[in-house]
Protein backbone atom coordinates (compact mmCIF):
# COMPACT_ATOMS: atom_id res chain seq x y z
CA MET A 1 -0.46 -0.13 -0.19
CA THR A 2 1.39 3.31 -0.69
CA LEU A 3 1.52 6.31 1.43
CA GLU A 4 -1.50 8.41 -0.73
CA GLN A 5 -3.42 4.50 -0.66
CA PHE A 6 -2.78 4.75 3.04
CA GLN A 7 -4.20 9.17 3.76
CA HIS A 8 -7.74 7.88 1.50
CA GLN A 9 -8.47 4.65 3.01
CA PHE A 10 -8.16 6.77 6.49
CA SER A 11 -9.20 9.83 5.19
CA SER A 12 -10.81 11.26 8.36
CA GLU A 13 -11.03 10.98 12.33
CA ALA A 14 -14.13 8.39 12.42
CA ILE A 15 -12.72 5.47 10.18
CA CYS A 16 -9.54 5.91 11.50
CA ALA A 17 -11.02 5.31 14.82
CA ASP A 18 -13.14 2.54 13.40
CA ALA A 19 -9.99 0.89 11.74
CA LEU A 20 -8.03 0.87 15.29
CA PHE A 21 -11.18 0.04 16.68
CA ARG A 22 -11.00 -3.65 14.84
CA LEU A 23 -7.51 -3.80 15.18
CA LYS A 24 -7.17 -3.41 19.01
CA TRP A 25 -10.11 -5.34 19.26
CA PRO A 26 -10.85 -7.79 16.76
CA ASP A 27 -13.11 -10.36 18.65
CA GLY A 28 -15.05 -7.00 20.00
CA PHE A 29 -14.50 -4.84 23.00
CA ARG A 30 -12.92 -6.56 26.43
CA CYS A 31 -11.96 -4.10 28.87
CA PRO A 32 -8.43 -4.00 30.17
CA ARG A 33 -8.85 -4.07 33.87
CA CYS A 34 -12.27 -6.58 34.03
CA GLU A 35 -12.30 -8.02 30.71
CA ASN A 36 -15.85 -7.25 30.04
CA SER A 37 -17.45 -6.94 26.98
CA SER A 38 -20.36 -4.59 27.46
CA PHE A 39 -19.26 -0.74 27.40
CA TYR A 40 -20.32 2.73 26.40
CA VAL A 41 -19.29 5.22 23.97
CA VAL A 42 -18.44 8.50 25.11
CA LYS A 43 -18.25 10.89 22.31
CA THR A 44 -17.28 13.62 23.25
CA ARG A 45 -13.92 13.91 23.05
CA ARG A 46 -11.74 13.69 19.77
CA ILE A 47 -11.37 10.11 19.52
CA PRO A 48 -14.45 8.27 21.27
CA LEU A 49 -13.88 7.58 24.98
CA TYR A 50 -15.13 3.71 25.48
CA GLU A 51 -16.32 3.35 29.10
CA CYS A 52 -16.93 -0.61 30.97
CA GLN A 53 -20.54 -1.43 32.07
CA LYS A 54 -18.94 -2.84 34.52
CA CYS A 55 -16.66 -1.58 36.55
CA ARG A 56 -16.30 2.21 34.87
CA HIS A 57 -12.21 1.87 33.61
CA GLN A 58 -11.96 3.99 30.59
CA THR A 59 -9.95 3.82 27.40
CA THR A 60 -9.54 4.63 24.28
CA VAL A 61 -8.37 3.17 20.68
CA THR A 62 -5.04 4.79 21.57
CA SER A 63 -4.96 3.76 24.77
CA GLY A 64 -0.83 1.49 25.44
CA THR A 65 0.07 3.03 21.88
CA ILE A 66 2.17 4.64 20.33
CA MET A 67 -0.46 7.22 19.70
CA GLU A 68 -1.51 7.54 23.11
CA GLY A 69 -1.64 11.09 24.34
CA ALA A 70 -0.44 12.24 21.24
CA GLU A 71 -1.68 15.68 20.10
CA ARG A 72 -2.42 14.73 16.65
CA ASN A 73 -5.56 13.64 15.21
CA CYS A 74 -6.23 9.37 15.06
CA ALA A 75 -5.55 10.22 10.84
CA ASN A 76 -2.41 11.73 11.31
CA GLY A 77 -0.55 9.26 14.52
CA SER A 78 -1.68 6.32 11.81
CA GLN A 79 0.09 8.23 8.61
CA LEU A 80 3.17 8.97 10.54
CA SER A 81 2.89 4.23 11.78
CA PHE A 82 2.57 4.51 9.00
CA SER A 83 6.03 6.23 7.48
CA SER A 84 7.98 4.63 9.50
CA SER A 85 7.58 1.42 9.37
CA ALA A 86 8.08 1.93 5.47
């Protein structure tokens, strides 16, 4: 995949966040603290925040990744990761 194809495929924040969700939780969401699969989505942030319905732990698709806490948006951070892996 070229950088141009990558940019086209992950052209928006929502598309990128959805792809990262599927990569992080290929079998569906699992709370990193209690392994529960039920969650709420908090959409008041740039990247959705996932809150476990059981223990209330909050996590994002970038938690525990190189993009955690980055000022970049999701699509630009993924682009950076793509560029550094090429």
